[in-house]
């Protein structure tokens, strides 16, 4: 079924995990980020590989765009597990004000 946003809801075929972030402070006052699973949702995954030159080496970075149902508490401090790999949220865009979907721009977290 295609919604009025032009998105085929059947394209939301990949199960991803949204992880919320809790910030605490360590003994010396440093920030500690703790991620806990918040919800598993189905998403449409669009992968993009960007090639760049860094320190005279050709490197490839992977960016992902996810289309998911809106989650009211979602912020860019959260992260998303796609195929078990963590990705940081760089942007949250709405398709339109009344649409039930949003688009997340993600970048891979090294580690």
N, C-alpha and C. Protein backbone atom coordinates (compact mmCIF):
# COMPACT_ATOMS: atom_id res chain seq x y z
N UNK A 1 0.84 -1.18 0.00
CA UNK A 1 0.00 0.00 0.00
C UNK A 1 0.89 1.24 0.00
N UNK A 2 0.59 2.18 -0.87
CA UNK A 2 1.35 3.41 -0.92
C UNK A 2 0.54 4.50 -0.23
N UNK A 3 1.15 5.13 0.78
CA UNK A 3 0.49 6.20 1.52
C UNK A 3 0.54 7.50 0.74
N UNK A 4 -0.09 8.53 1.26
CA UNK A 4 -0.13 9.81 0.56
C UNK A 4 1.24 10.47 0.51
N UNK A 5 2.21 9.96 1.28
CA UNK A 5 3.57 10.48 1.26
C UNK A 5 4.37 9.91 0.09
N UNK A 6 3.79 8.96 -0.65
CA UNK A 6 4.49 8.34 -1.75
C UNK A 6 5.41 7.22 -1.31
N UNK A 7 5.30 6.77 -0.08
CA UNK A 7 6.12 5.69 0.46
C UNK A 7 5.31 4.40 0.45
N UNK A 8 5.88 3.36 -0.09
CA UNK A 8 5.27 2.04 -0.05
C UNK A 8 5.55 1.45 1.33
N UNK A 9 4.52 1.28 2.12
CA UNK A 9 4.71 0.79 3.48
C UNK A 9 5.30 -0.62 3.52
N UNK A 10 5.17 -1.36 2.41
CA UNK A 10 5.80 -2.66 2.32
C UNK A 10 7.31 -2.57 2.21
N UNK A 11 7.82 -1.36 1.89
CA UNK A 11 9.27 -1.16 1.79
C UNK A 11 9.93 -1.06 3.16
N UNK A 12 9.13 -0.91 4.22
CA UNK A 12 9.67 -0.89 5.58
C UNK A 12 9.91 -2.35 5.98
N UNK A 13 11.01 -2.92 5.48
CA UNK A 13 11.21 -4.37 5.58
C UNK A 13 12.43 -4.78 6.39
N UNK A 14 13.13 -3.84 7.00
CA UNK A 14 14.33 -4.17 7.77
C UNK A 14 14.09 -3.82 9.23
N UNK A 15 14.30 -4.79 10.11
CA UNK A 15 14.11 -4.56 11.54
C UNK A 15 15.37 -3.93 12.12
N UNK A 16 15.23 -2.74 12.70
CA UNK A 16 16.36 -2.02 13.32
C UNK A 16 16.02 -1.76 14.78
N UNK A 17 17.04 -1.47 15.58
CA UNK A 17 16.84 -1.20 17.00
C UNK A 17 17.19 0.25 17.30
N UNK A 18 16.25 0.98 17.89
CA UNK A 18 16.52 2.33 18.36
C UNK A 18 17.03 2.24 19.78
N UNK A 19 18.13 2.94 20.07
CA UNK A 19 18.71 2.92 21.41
C UNK A 19 18.68 4.33 21.99
N UNK A 20 18.08 4.46 23.18
CA UNK A 20 18.04 5.76 23.85
C UNK A 20 19.34 5.98 24.60
N UNK A 21 19.63 7.25 24.87
CA UNK A 21 20.89 7.61 25.50
C UNK A 21 20.63 8.20 26.89
N UNK A 22 21.40 7.73 27.85
CA UNK A 22 21.38 8.29 29.20
C UNK A 22 22.77 8.82 29.49
N UNK A 23 22.84 10.06 29.99
CA UNK A 23 24.13 10.67 30.30
C UNK A 23 24.30 10.71 31.81
N UNK A 24 25.40 10.15 32.28
CA UNK A 24 25.76 10.21 33.70
C UNK A 24 27.15 10.83 33.81
N UNK A 25 27.56 11.12 35.02
CA UNK A 25 28.87 11.72 35.24
C UNK A 25 29.74 10.78 36.06
N UNK A 26 30.99 10.63 35.65
CA UNK A 26 31.94 9.78 36.34
C UNK A 26 32.53 10.47 37.57
N UNK A 27 33.49 9.81 38.21
CA UNK A 27 34.10 10.31 39.44
C UNK A 27 34.79 11.66 39.24
N UNK A 28 35.41 11.88 38.09
CA UNK A 28 36.07 13.15 37.83
C UNK A 28 35.17 14.13 37.06
N UNK A 29 33.91 13.84 36.93
CA UNK A 29 32.99 14.74 36.27
C UNK A 29 32.84 14.52 34.78
N UNK A 30 33.51 13.52 34.23
CA UNK A 30 33.40 13.26 32.80
C UNK A 30 32.03 12.66 32.47
N UNK A 31 31.58 12.95 31.27
CA UNK A 31 30.29 12.43 30.84
C UNK A 31 30.42 10.99 30.39
N UNK A 32 29.46 10.17 30.80
CA UNK A 32 29.37 8.78 30.35
C UNK A 32 28.05 8.61 29.63
N UNK A 33 28.13 8.08 28.42
CA UNK A 33 26.94 7.84 27.62
C UNK A 33 26.59 6.36 27.69
N UNK A 34 25.37 6.06 28.12
CA UNK A 34 24.90 4.68 28.21
C UNK A 34 23.71 4.52 27.27
N UNK A 35 23.79 3.53 26.40
CA UNK A 35 22.73 3.29 25.43
C UNK A 35 21.96 2.03 25.81
N UNK A 36 20.64 2.15 25.80
CA UNK A 36 19.78 1.00 26.10
C UNK A 36 18.75 0.86 24.98
N UNK A 37 18.40 -0.38 24.68
CA UNK A 37 17.40 -0.63 23.64
C UNK A 37 16.08 0.01 24.03
N UNK A 38 15.53 0.80 23.13
CA UNK A 38 14.26 1.47 23.38
C UNK A 38 13.12 0.76 22.66
N UNK A 39 13.34 0.50 21.36
CA UNK A 39 12.28 -0.12 20.57
C UNK A 39 12.86 -0.69 19.28
N UNK A 40 12.29 -1.78 18.83
CA UNK A 40 12.62 -2.33 17.51
C UNK A 40 11.53 -1.86 16.55
N UNK A 41 11.96 -1.35 15.39
CA UNK A 41 11.00 -0.84 14.41
C UNK A 41 11.40 -1.33 13.02
N UNK A 42 10.43 -1.37 12.13
CA UNK A 42 10.73 -1.70 10.75
C UNK A 42 11.06 -0.42 10.00
N UNK A 43 12.06 -0.51 9.12
CA UNK A 43 12.54 0.67 8.40
C UNK A 43 12.82 0.34 6.95
N UNK A 44 12.78 1.37 6.12
CA UNK A 44 13.29 1.29 4.76
C UNK A 44 14.72 1.81 4.81
N UNK A 45 15.67 1.02 4.34
CA UNK A 45 17.09 1.37 4.43
C UNK A 45 17.62 1.76 3.05
N UNK A 46 18.18 2.95 2.97
CA UNK A 46 18.87 3.42 1.76
C UNK A 46 20.32 3.66 2.13
N UNK A 47 21.22 2.87 1.54
CA UNK A 47 22.65 2.99 1.84
C UNK A 47 23.34 3.84 0.78
N UNK A 48 24.29 4.66 1.25
CA UNK A 48 25.10 5.49 0.36
C UNK A 48 26.55 5.36 0.79
N UNK A 49 27.43 5.13 -0.16
CA UNK A 49 28.85 5.04 0.14
C UNK A 49 29.52 6.28 -0.44
N UNK A 50 30.20 7.03 0.41
CA UNK A 50 30.92 8.23 0.00
C UNK A 50 32.40 7.94 0.04
N UNK A 51 33.08 8.26 -1.06
CA UNK A 51 34.53 8.09 -1.10
C UNK A 51 35.18 9.45 -0.91
N UNK A 52 36.25 9.47 -0.12
CA UNK A 52 36.96 10.71 0.14
C UNK A 52 38.45 10.43 0.28
N UNK A 53 39.26 11.45 0.08
CA UNK A 53 40.70 11.32 0.26
C UNK A 53 41.04 11.88 1.63
N UNK A 54 41.69 11.08 2.45
CA UNK A 54 42.10 11.48 3.79
C UNK A 54 43.52 10.99 4.02
N UNK A 55 44.43 11.91 4.33
CA UNK A 55 45.85 11.56 4.54
C UNK A 55 46.40 10.76 3.37
N UNK A 56 46.09 11.20 2.17
CA UNK A 56 46.56 10.59 0.92
C UNK A 56 46.03 9.18 0.70
N UNK A 57 45.02 8.79 1.44
CA UNK A 57 44.39 7.47 1.27
C UNK A 57 42.96 7.66 0.81
N UNK A 58 42.51 6.80 -0.06
CA UNK A 58 41.12 6.81 -0.47
C UNK A 58 40.33 6.01 0.55
N UNK A 59 39.38 6.68 1.20
CA UNK A 59 38.58 6.04 2.24
C UNK A 59 37.11 6.10 1.85
N UNK A 60 36.37 5.13 2.30
CA UNK A 60 34.94 5.07 2.03
C UNK A 60 34.18 5.18 3.35
N UNK A 61 33.23 6.08 3.38
CA UNK A 61 32.37 6.22 4.55
C UNK A 61 30.97 5.82 4.17
N UNK A 62 30.27 5.18 5.09
CA UNK A 62 28.93 4.71 4.78
C UNK A 62 27.91 5.56 5.52
N UNK A 63 27.00 6.14 4.77
CA UNK A 63 25.88 6.87 5.32
C UNK A 63 24.61 6.12 4.98
N UNK A 64 23.66 6.18 5.89
CA UNK A 64 22.40 5.47 5.70
C UNK A 64 21.26 6.43 5.95
N UNK A 65 20.21 6.29 5.16
CA UNK A 65 18.96 6.98 5.44
C UNK A 65 17.91 5.93 5.76
N UNK A 66 17.24 6.11 6.89
CA UNK A 66 16.16 5.21 7.30
C UNK A 66 14.84 5.94 7.24
N UNK A 67 13.85 5.30 6.72
CA UNK A 67 12.48 5.80 6.80
C UNK A 67 11.76 4.93 7.82
N UNK A 68 11.27 5.56 8.88
CA UNK A 68 10.60 4.83 9.97
C UNK A 68 9.34 5.57 10.38
N UNK A 69 8.50 4.89 11.15
CA UNK A 69 7.37 5.57 11.79
C UNK A 69 7.92 6.51 12.85
N UNK A 70 7.28 7.65 13.02
CA UNK A 70 7.75 8.64 14.00
C UNK A 70 7.74 8.05 15.41
N UNK A 71 8.78 8.39 16.16
CA UNK A 71 8.89 8.01 17.56
C UNK A 71 8.99 9.33 18.33
N UNK A 72 7.99 9.66 19.17
CA UNK A 72 7.95 10.99 19.78
C UNK A 72 9.19 11.38 20.59
N UNK A 73 9.82 10.47 21.28
CA UNK A 73 10.94 10.83 22.16
C UNK A 73 12.29 10.84 21.44
N UNK A 74 12.34 10.50 20.18
CA UNK A 74 13.59 10.34 19.44
C UNK A 74 14.37 11.65 19.33
N UNK A 75 15.68 11.60 19.63
CA UNK A 75 16.56 12.76 19.48
C UNK A 75 17.84 12.31 18.77
N UNK A 76 18.66 13.28 18.39
CA UNK A 76 19.90 12.95 17.70
C UNK A 76 20.98 12.40 18.64
N UNK A 77 20.73 12.36 19.93
CA UNK A 77 21.67 11.70 20.86
C UNK A 77 21.52 10.18 20.83
N UNK A 78 20.40 9.72 20.35
CA UNK A 78 20.17 8.29 20.28
C UNK A 78 21.03 7.69 19.18
N UNK A 79 21.05 6.38 19.11
CA UNK A 79 21.71 5.71 18.01
C UNK A 79 20.83 4.56 17.53
N UNK A 80 21.20 4.02 16.38
CA UNK A 80 20.40 2.98 15.74
C UNK A 80 21.31 1.80 15.42
N UNK A 81 20.84 0.60 15.70
CA UNK A 81 21.56 -0.61 15.31
C UNK A 81 20.94 -1.13 14.02
N UNK A 82 21.74 -1.17 12.96
CA UNK A 82 21.31 -1.71 11.68
C UNK A 82 22.20 -2.91 11.39
N UNK A 83 21.62 -4.08 11.29
CA UNK A 83 22.38 -5.33 11.12
C UNK A 83 23.42 -5.50 12.22
N UNK A 84 23.09 -5.06 13.44
CA UNK A 84 23.98 -5.21 14.59
C UNK A 84 25.08 -4.16 14.70
N UNK A 85 25.19 -3.25 13.73
CA UNK A 85 26.23 -2.21 13.75
C UNK A 85 25.63 -0.89 14.21
N UNK A 86 26.33 -0.16 15.10
CA UNK A 86 25.80 1.11 15.60
C UNK A 86 26.01 2.27 14.62
N UNK A 87 24.99 3.09 14.50
CA UNK A 87 25.03 4.29 13.67
C UNK A 87 24.52 5.47 14.49
N UNK A 88 25.19 6.59 14.38
CA UNK A 88 24.76 7.81 15.05
C UNK A 88 23.76 8.55 14.18
N UNK A 89 22.81 9.21 14.82
CA UNK A 89 21.79 9.98 14.10
C UNK A 89 22.34 11.39 13.87
N UNK A 90 22.45 11.78 12.61
CA UNK A 90 22.93 13.12 12.29
C UNK A 90 21.80 14.09 11.97
N UNK A 91 20.64 13.57 11.55
CA UNK A 91 19.49 14.44 11.26
C UNK A 91 18.20 13.63 11.34
N UNK A 92 17.14 14.32 11.76
CA UNK A 92 15.80 13.75 11.79
C UNK A 92 14.92 14.68 10.98
N UNK A 93 14.41 14.19 9.87
CA UNK A 93 13.59 15.01 8.98
C UNK A 93 12.19 14.44 8.88
N UNK A 94 11.20 15.31 8.91
CA UNK A 94 9.83 14.87 8.70
C UNK A 94 9.51 14.92 7.21
N UNK A 95 8.66 14.02 6.77
CA UNK A 95 8.23 14.02 5.38
C UNK A 95 7.22 15.15 5.18
N UNK A 96 6.28 15.23 6.07
CA UNK A 96 5.40 16.38 6.17
C UNK A 96 4.80 16.37 7.57
N UNK A 97 4.21 17.46 7.95
CA UNK A 97 3.79 17.64 9.33
C UNK A 97 2.81 16.58 9.82
N UNK A 98 1.97 16.10 8.92
CA UNK A 98 0.94 15.15 9.32
C UNK A 98 1.28 13.71 8.97
N UNK A 99 2.39 13.49 8.31
CA UNK A 99 2.79 12.14 7.90
C UNK A 99 3.22 11.33 9.12
N UNK A 100 2.91 10.05 9.15
CA UNK A 100 3.31 9.21 10.28
C UNK A 100 4.77 8.75 10.19
N UNK A 101 5.48 9.16 9.14
CA UNK A 101 6.85 8.69 8.92
C UNK A 101 7.85 9.83 9.04
N UNK A 102 9.11 9.46 9.31
CA UNK A 102 10.20 10.43 9.30
C UNK A 102 11.43 9.75 8.69
N UNK A 103 12.41 10.57 8.33
CA UNK A 103 13.64 10.08 7.72
C UNK A 103 14.80 10.39 8.65
N UNK A 104 15.58 9.37 8.99
CA UNK A 104 16.76 9.54 9.82
C UNK A 104 18.01 9.45 8.94
N UNK A 105 18.91 10.40 9.08
CA UNK A 105 20.20 10.33 8.42
C UNK A 105 21.19 9.80 9.44
N UNK A 106 21.92 8.75 9.07
CA UNK A 106 22.81 8.07 10.01
C UNK A 106 24.23 8.03 9.45
N UNK A 107 25.20 8.00 10.34
CA UNK A 107 26.58 7.79 9.95
C UNK A 107 27.17 6.70 10.85
N UNK A 108 28.07 5.92 10.28
CA UNK A 108 28.63 4.78 11.02
C UNK A 108 29.47 5.27 12.20
N UNK A 109 29.41 4.53 13.29
CA UNK A 109 30.21 4.81 14.48
C UNK A 109 31.38 3.83 14.46
N UNK A 110 32.59 4.34 14.43
CA UNK A 110 33.76 3.48 14.47
C UNK A 110 33.98 2.97 15.88
N UNK A 111 34.42 1.75 15.97
CA UNK A 111 34.71 1.27 17.31
C UNK A 111 34.70 -0.19 17.47
